[in-house]
Protein backbone atom coordinates (compact mmCIF):
# COMPACT_ATOMS: atom_id res chain seq x y z
CA UNK A 1 96.22 56.61 101.53
CA UNK A 2 94.19 53.44 100.91
CA UNK A 3 95.82 52.98 97.48
CA UNK A 4 99.22 53.41 99.14
CA UNK A 5 98.38 50.64 101.62
CA UNK A 6 97.62 48.22 98.80
CA UNK A 7 100.79 49.07 96.90
CA UNK A 8 103.34 49.62 99.69
CA UNK A 9 101.99 47.68 102.63
CA UNK A 10 101.18 49.05 106.08
CA UNK A 11 104.77 50.07 106.95
CA UNK A 12 105.23 51.89 103.67
CA UNK A 13 101.87 53.63 104.03
CA UNK A 14 102.76 54.72 107.56
CA UNK A 15 106.06 56.19 106.33
CA UNK A 16 104.25 58.08 103.56
CA UNK A 17 101.68 59.36 106.02
CA UNK A 18 104.26 60.52 108.57
CA UNK A 19 106.28 62.26 105.85
CA UNK A 20 103.16 64.10 104.67
CA UNK A 21 102.27 65.11 108.23
CA UNK A 22 105.81 66.35 108.88
CA UNK A 23 105.77 68.42 105.67
CA UNK A 24 102.37 69.89 106.48
CA UNK A 25 103.47 70.73 110.04
CA UNK A 26 106.60 72.46 108.76
CA UNK A 27 104.57 74.58 106.34
CA UNK A 28 101.56 75.32 108.55
CA UNK A 29 101.70 78.27 110.93
CA UNK A 30 100.12 77.94 114.38
CA UNK A 31 100.65 80.65 117.03
CA UNK A 32 102.67 79.28 119.95
CA UNK A 33 100.34 78.04 122.72
CA UNK A 34 102.57 79.43 125.50
CA UNK A 35 103.33 83.03 126.24
CA UNK A 36 101.67 85.83 124.29
CA UNK A 37 102.58 84.86 120.74
CA UNK A 38 100.38 87.35 118.82
CA UNK A 39 98.39 90.52 119.32
CA UNK A 40 96.28 90.17 122.49
CA UNK A 41 97.76 86.68 122.95
CA UNK A 42 95.26 84.64 120.90
CA UNK A 43 92.71 84.90 118.10
CA UNK A 44 89.95 85.69 120.60
CA UNK A 45 91.87 88.82 121.69
CA UNK A 46 91.63 87.57 125.29
CA UNK A 47 94.98 88.95 126.57
CA UNK A 48 95.33 85.75 128.61
CA UNK A 49 99.04 84.84 128.84
CA UNK A 50 99.40 81.07 129.21
CA UNK A 51 102.72 81.30 131.02
CA UNK A 52 103.58 81.53 134.70
CA UNK A 53 104.66 85.00 135.80
CA UNK A 54 108.23 85.26 137.11
CA UNK A 55 108.54 85.44 140.88
CA UNK A 56 111.16 88.17 140.56
CA UNK A 57 113.13 90.12 137.97
CA UNK A 58 116.83 89.50 138.52
CA UNK A 59 118.35 91.42 135.63
CA UNK A 60 117.48 93.82 132.81
CA UNK A 61 119.04 94.61 129.46
CA UNK A 62 118.94 97.38 126.87
CA UNK A 63 119.26 97.34 123.09
CA UNK A 64 120.76 100.65 121.89
CA UNK A 65 120.19 99.64 118.25
CA UNK A 66 116.37 99.59 118.54
CA UNK A 67 114.08 102.45 117.61
CA UNK A 68 112.39 104.49 120.31
CA UNK A 69 109.72 102.31 121.92
CA UNK A 70 107.37 105.30 121.93
CA UNK A 71 106.83 104.42 118.26
CA UNK A 72 106.26 100.70 118.48
CA UNK A 73 103.21 98.61 119.26
CA UNK A 74 105.16 96.16 121.43
CA UNK A 75 106.43 92.59 121.59
CA UNK A 76 105.21 88.99 121.34
CA UNK A 77 106.77 85.85 122.79
CA UNK A 78 106.56 82.06 122.51
CA UNK A 79 107.98 81.66 126.01
CA UNK A 80 111.56 81.27 124.79
CA UNK A 81 112.18 84.28 122.54
CA UNK A 82 110.71 87.74 122.01
CA UNK A 83 109.90 89.62 118.78
CA UNK A 84 109.50 93.40 119.05
CA UNK A 85 108.42 96.00 116.50
CA UNK A 86 109.24 99.68 116.52
CA UNK A 87 109.98 102.30 113.94
CA UNK A 88 109.76 105.84 112.70
CA UNK A 89 106.37 107.22 111.69
CA UNK A 90 108.12 109.63 109.32
CA UNK A 91 109.31 106.82 107.08
CA UNK A 92 113.00 106.44 107.87
CA UNK A 93 114.47 103.01 107.14
CA UNK A 94 117.78 103.59 108.90
CA UNK A 95 117.14 100.81 111.43
CA UNK A 96 115.32 97.44 111.23
CA UNK A 97 111.68 97.55 112.39
CA UNK A 98 111.52 93.96 113.70
CA UNK A 99 114.05 92.59 116.18
CA UNK A 100 114.02 89.12 117.74
CA UNK A 101 115.73 88.36 121.06
CA UNK A 102 116.56 85.37 123.24
CA UNK A 103 115.23 85.43 126.80
CA UNK A 104 118.53 86.87 128.09
CA UNK A 105 118.34 89.82 125.69
CA UNK A 106 120.69 88.48 123.04
CA UNK A 107 119.70 89.81 119.60
CA UNK A 108 119.09 86.70 117.47
CA UNK A 109 118.20 88.43 114.19
CA UNK A 110 116.44 91.43 112.73
CA UNK A 111 114.40 92.16 109.62
CA UNK A 112 117.03 94.33 107.93
CA UNK A 113 115.41 96.23 105.06
CA UNK A 114 112.78 93.54 104.43
CA UNK A 115 110.18 95.62 106.31
CA UNK A 116 109.78 99.39 106.29
CA UNK A 117 109.20 101.66 109.28
CA UNK A 118 105.37 101.30 109.13
CA UNK A 119 105.78 97.86 110.68
CA UNK A 120 105.62 99.73 114.01
CA UNK A 121 101.79 99.85 113.85
CA UNK A 122 101.67 96.06 114.16
CA UNK A 123 103.08 93.12 116.11
CA UNK A 124 103.90 89.74 114.52
CA UNK A 125 102.61 86.23 115.06
CA UNK A 126 105.21 83.78 116.38
CA UNK A 127 104.95 79.99 116.34
CA UNK A 128 106.47 77.45 118.75
CA UNK A 129 109.69 77.13 116.71
CA UNK A 130 110.23 80.90 116.53
CA UNK A 131 109.08 81.51 112.96
CA UNK A 132 107.42 84.91 112.56
CA UNK A 133 104.81 86.47 110.22
CA UNK A 134 104.91 90.26 110.10
CA UNK A 135 103.65 93.10 107.86
CA UNK A 136 104.26 96.72 106.97
CA UNK A 137 102.13 98.95 104.71
CA UNK A 138 103.53 97.32 101.54
CA UNK A 139 104.36 93.66 102.29
CA UNK A 140 103.61 90.72 104.55
CA UNK A 141 106.60 88.47 105.27
CA UNK A 142 107.18 85.06 106.83
CA UNK A 143 110.57 84.66 108.52
CA UNK A 144 112.09 81.28 109.45
CA UNK A 145 113.33 80.81 113.06
CA UNK A 146 116.83 81.92 111.99
CA UNK A 147 115.50 85.09 110.32
CA UNK A 148 115.74 84.00 106.69
CA UNK A 149 112.76 84.95 104.52
CA UNK A 150 110.47 82.06 103.57
CA UNK A 151 108.17 84.27 101.53
CA UNK A 152 107.39 87.95 101.01
CA UNK A 153 104.12 89.07 99.43
CA UNK A 154 102.96 92.56 98.38
CA UNK A 155 99.76 93.61 100.20
CA UNK A 156 96.91 95.72 98.74
CA UNK A 157 98.11 98.58 100.96
CA UNK A 158 97.06 100.18 104.23
CA UNK A 159 98.92 100.49 107.50
CA UNK A 160 98.99 97.06 109.11
CA UNK A 161 97.04 96.16 112.22
CA UNK A 162 98.57 93.00 113.64
CA UNK A 163 97.88 89.83 111.59
CA UNK A 164 95.67 87.06 112.94
CA UNK A 165 94.75 83.49 111.92
CA UNK A 166 91.52 81.66 111.06
CA UNK A 167 90.71 78.06 112.00
CA UNK A 168 91.79 76.73 108.59
CA UNK A 169 95.21 78.37 109.03
CA UNK A 170 94.66 81.40 106.78
CA UNK A 171 96.51 84.56 107.83
CA UNK A 172 94.27 87.65 107.86
CA UNK A 173 95.49 91.24 107.86
CA UNK A 174 93.23 94.20 108.63
CA UNK A 175 94.60 97.66 107.89
CA UNK A 176 94.09 101.34 108.42
CA UNK A 177 93.52 103.17 105.10
CA UNK A 178 93.36 99.88 103.20
CA UNK A 179 91.40 96.66 102.71
CA UNK A 180 91.26 93.40 104.65
CA UNK A 181 93.32 90.67 103.01
CA UNK A 182 93.93 86.92 103.47
CA UNK A 183 97.09 84.85 102.80
CA UNK A 184 98.20 81.23 102.59
CA UNK A 185 100.75 80.70 105.42
CA UNK A 186 102.67 78.06 103.44
CA UNK A 187 103.29 80.05 100.27
CA UNK A 188 102.32 83.65 101.04
CA UNK A 189 99.74 83.58 98.22
CA UNK A 190 97.17 86.38 98.41
CA UNK A 191 93.85 84.51 98.72
CA UNK A 192 91.34 87.36 98.81
CA UNK A 193 90.62 90.99 99.69
CA UNK A 194 87.65 92.95 100.98
CA UNK A 195 87.55 96.74 100.97
CA UNK A 196 84.87 98.16 103.30
CA UNK A 197 84.15 101.25 101.19
CA UNK A 198 80.83 103.05 101.54
CA UNK A 199 79.16 106.44 101.13
CA UNK A 200 77.16 108.52 103.62
CA UNK A 201 75.43 111.79 102.78
CA UNK A 202 77.03 111.68 99.37
CA UNK A 203 80.50 111.52 100.91
CA UNK A 204 82.69 108.54 99.92
CA UNK A 205 84.95 106.80 102.40
CA UNK A 206 85.92 103.54 104.05
CA UNK A 207 85.13 101.74 107.27
CA UNK A 208 88.58 101.85 108.81
CA UNK A 209 90.07 100.00 111.77
CA UNK A 210 92.79 100.71 114.27
CA UNK A 211 92.36 97.32 115.94
CA UNK A 212 93.17 93.64 115.41
CA UNK A 213 90.20 91.46 114.43
CA UNK A 214 88.92 88.69 116.69
CA UNK A 215 88.28 85.29 115.11
CA UNK A 216 85.83 82.39 115.66
CA UNK A 217 86.42 79.50 113.28
CA UNK A 218 86.74 81.13 109.86
CA UNK A 219 84.67 84.18 110.87
CA UNK A 220 86.51 87.46 111.46
CA UNK A 221 85.15 90.32 113.61
CA UNK A 222 86.45 93.83 112.82
CA UNK A 223 85.53 96.94 114.80
CA UNK A 224 85.59 99.95 112.47
CA UNK A 225 84.74 103.61 112.15
CA UNK A 226 83.89 105.39 108.90
CA UNK A 227 86.58 107.71 107.53
CA UNK A 228 86.16 110.05 104.58
CA UNK A 229 88.73 110.19 101.80
CA UNK A 230 92.17 111.24 103.08
CA UNK A 231 91.06 109.69 106.38
CA UNK A 232 89.10 112.76 107.47
CA UNK A 233 86.65 112.21 110.36
CA UNK A 234 83.04 111.40 109.49
CA UNK A 235 80.72 114.16 110.79
CA UNK A 236 77.95 111.53 110.99
CA UNK A 237 79.90 109.40 113.53
CA UNK A 238 79.22 106.13 111.69
CA UNK A 239 80.90 103.01 113.09
CA UNK A 240 80.23 99.30 112.77
CA UNK A 241 81.33 95.88 113.90
CA UNK A 242 81.65 93.63 110.84
CA UNK A 243 81.35 89.84 110.92
CA UNK A 244 83.22 88.58 107.84
CA UNK A 245 83.28 84.95 106.71
CA UNK A 246 86.31 83.49 104.95
CA UNK A 247 85.66 80.64 102.49
CA UNK A 248 88.76 79.32 100.74
CA UNK A 249 86.64 77.21 98.33
CA UNK A 250 84.84 80.28 96.95
CA UNK A 251 86.04 82.25 93.90
CA UNK A 252 88.88 84.65 94.83
CA UNK A 253 86.68 87.76 94.76
CA UNK A 254 84.10 86.10 97.06
CA UNK A 255 86.33 84.46 99.67
CA UNK A 256 85.83 87.29 102.16
CA UNK A 257 82.12 88.11 102.53
CA UNK A 258 80.19 90.20 105.07
CA UNK A 259 77.87 88.03 107.20
CA UNK A 260 76.35 90.93 109.19
CA UNK A 261 77.10 94.38 110.62
CA UNK A 262 76.29 95.98 113.97
CA UNK A 263 76.05 99.77 113.78
CA UNK A 264 77.09 102.08 116.62
CA UNK A 265 78.58 105.56 117.04
CA UNK A 266 82.26 106.39 116.48
CA UNK A 267 84.89 106.34 117.76
CA UNK A 268 86.17 102.88 118.77
CA UNK A 269 89.56 102.29 120.33
CA UNK A 270 89.57 98.59 121.28
CA UNK A 271 90.01 95.28 119.51
CA UNK A 272 86.91 93.13 120.03
CA UNK A 273 87.16 90.41 122.67
CA UNK A 274 85.39 87.15 121.76
CA UNK A 275 84.10 84.81 124.45
CA UNK A 276 82.12 82.01 122.82
CA UNK A 277 79.71 83.76 120.48
CA UNK A 278 79.84 86.99 122.50
CA UNK A 279 81.78 90.01 121.17
CA UNK A 280 82.81 92.70 123.65
CA UNK A 281 83.93 95.99 122.07
CA UNK A 282 83.74 99.74 122.66
CA UNK A 283 82.14 102.75 121.03
CA UNK A 284 81.70 106.43 121.88
CA UNK A 285 77.96 106.42 121.18
CA UNK A 286 75.04 104.00 121.31
CA UNK A 287 74.24 105.00 117.72
CA UNK A 288 75.69 107.51 115.21
CA UNK A 289 73.05 110.11 116.11
CA UNK A 290 73.14 109.58 119.90
CA UNK A 291 75.02 111.96 122.22
CA UNK A 292 78.58 111.01 123.11
CA UNK A 293 78.52 108.50 125.97
CA UNK A 294 81.41 105.98 125.73
CA UNK A 295 80.55 102.36 126.50
CA UNK A 296 81.34 98.72 125.94
CA UNK A 297 78.84 96.58 124.04
CA UNK A 298 78.11 92.89 124.47
CA UNK A 299 76.82 91.45 121.18
CA UNK A 300 76.08 87.80 120.40
CA UNK A 301 76.67 86.38 116.91
CA UNK A 302 73.40 84.67 115.91
CA UNK A 303 74.81 83.42 112.60
CA UNK A 304 73.13 85.75 110.13
CA UNK A 305 72.58 88.70 112.49
CA UNK A 306 73.93 90.25 115.72
CA UNK A 307 71.98 90.52 118.99
CA UNK A 308 72.80 93.30 121.47
CA UNK A 309 72.71 91.79 124.98
CA UNK A 310 74.14 94.53 127.21
CA UNK A 311 75.89 97.89 127.34
CA UNK A 312 78.26 99.17 130.03
CA UNK A 313 78.93 102.91 130.39
CA UNK A 314 82.63 103.79 130.76
CA UNK A 315 82.49 107.45 131.72
CA UNK A 316 85.35 108.14 129.29
CA UNK A 317 86.70 106.96 125.94
CA UNK A 318 87.82 103.36 125.59
CA UNK A 319 91.43 103.03 124.43
CA UNK A 320 92.20 99.37 125.20
CA UNK A 321 90.45 96.07 124.64
CA UNK A 322 88.51 94.27 127.32
CA UNK A 323 90.79 91.59 128.82
CA UNK A 324 89.15 88.28 129.71
CA UNK A 325 89.35 87.14 133.33
CA UNK A 326 89.75 83.33 133.37
CA UNK A 327 87.48 83.25 136.44
CA UNK A 328 84.71 84.97 134.45
CA UNK A 329 83.99 88.46 133.19
CA UNK A 330 86.36 90.97 131.62
CA UNK A 331 88.51 93.90 132.74
CA UNK A 332 87.92 97.35 131.19
CA UNK A 333 89.02 100.92 131.80
CA UNK A 334 88.47 104.37 130.31
CA UNK A 335 91.16 106.84 129.27
CA UNK A 336 92.12 109.05 132.21
CA UNK A 337 90.16 106.93 134.70
CA UNK A 338 92.31 105.45 137.52
CA UNK A 339 89.83 102.63 138.16
CA UNK A 340 90.15 99.22 136.48
CA UNK A 341 86.74 97.53 136.38
CA UNK A 342 85.79 93.86 136.17
CA UNK A 343 82.41 93.53 134.43
């Protein structure tokens, strides 16, 4: 910029700078700050919707062209439009898996055959303008606000668990039966992968997730449980929370690196909630060898290691993430338990 000032003058330099900023803004991808524009509403997995609730519901609408909602993870919104995913777990591609609506229910566009039916295991990220990033078990795709494809990139495989975003803008995708992968939001370039494979008792497998990662800066937190090959359950009940650092300046095979792990006992059914450096997540056991006693853990990230601060017994399996209360604390419940608890 300083060389531009000398050559073009202040006005010319300002024009160059504004053009560059406009181009960067158009290419960057930031989840919309209003509404619930990604899985669990933000990268912390807080479930806090930054939008006033309607005082009343005056009308409803129905889309007969959508798949059964019993096979879809749900919808996201930027406060003006809604993007919903649903599909067929048996692999049919007869209907689009991603449909985007205006607030009055008008169908604005759909994904056509760009995504397959396994998109139903995920929800997209939507920015303020209505652009969407979405994945299935073969590709991750960025759609423009009018539904045209900006880029489409093959993934390393695995059933998608909703994409998230790091502080430097990188899009991260965790999967079931596949690795974790990172993408440039401007071009769709695959930046790095990390496969959490391991072996216990001579049995090979992978630390698998069914949940969206939480993010702090460029650090990603993934709650996993060990699955044997063919996704068979691990008789040893191994599970772990992984803290994974993303470094775009590192060589491609080192951009995603494990910072630490916190071991507990499988299973785990909730995406981790991050509040500051605290991670709140669930497990069925205090450790792999402990008796089954479902609970939420509170673990602080100390940089190079985790510190367990508290545990809260649920009395039943956790199936949903802790939701942050803006007044303080978090809401949790156990499967089959009629009581919602603020802890």
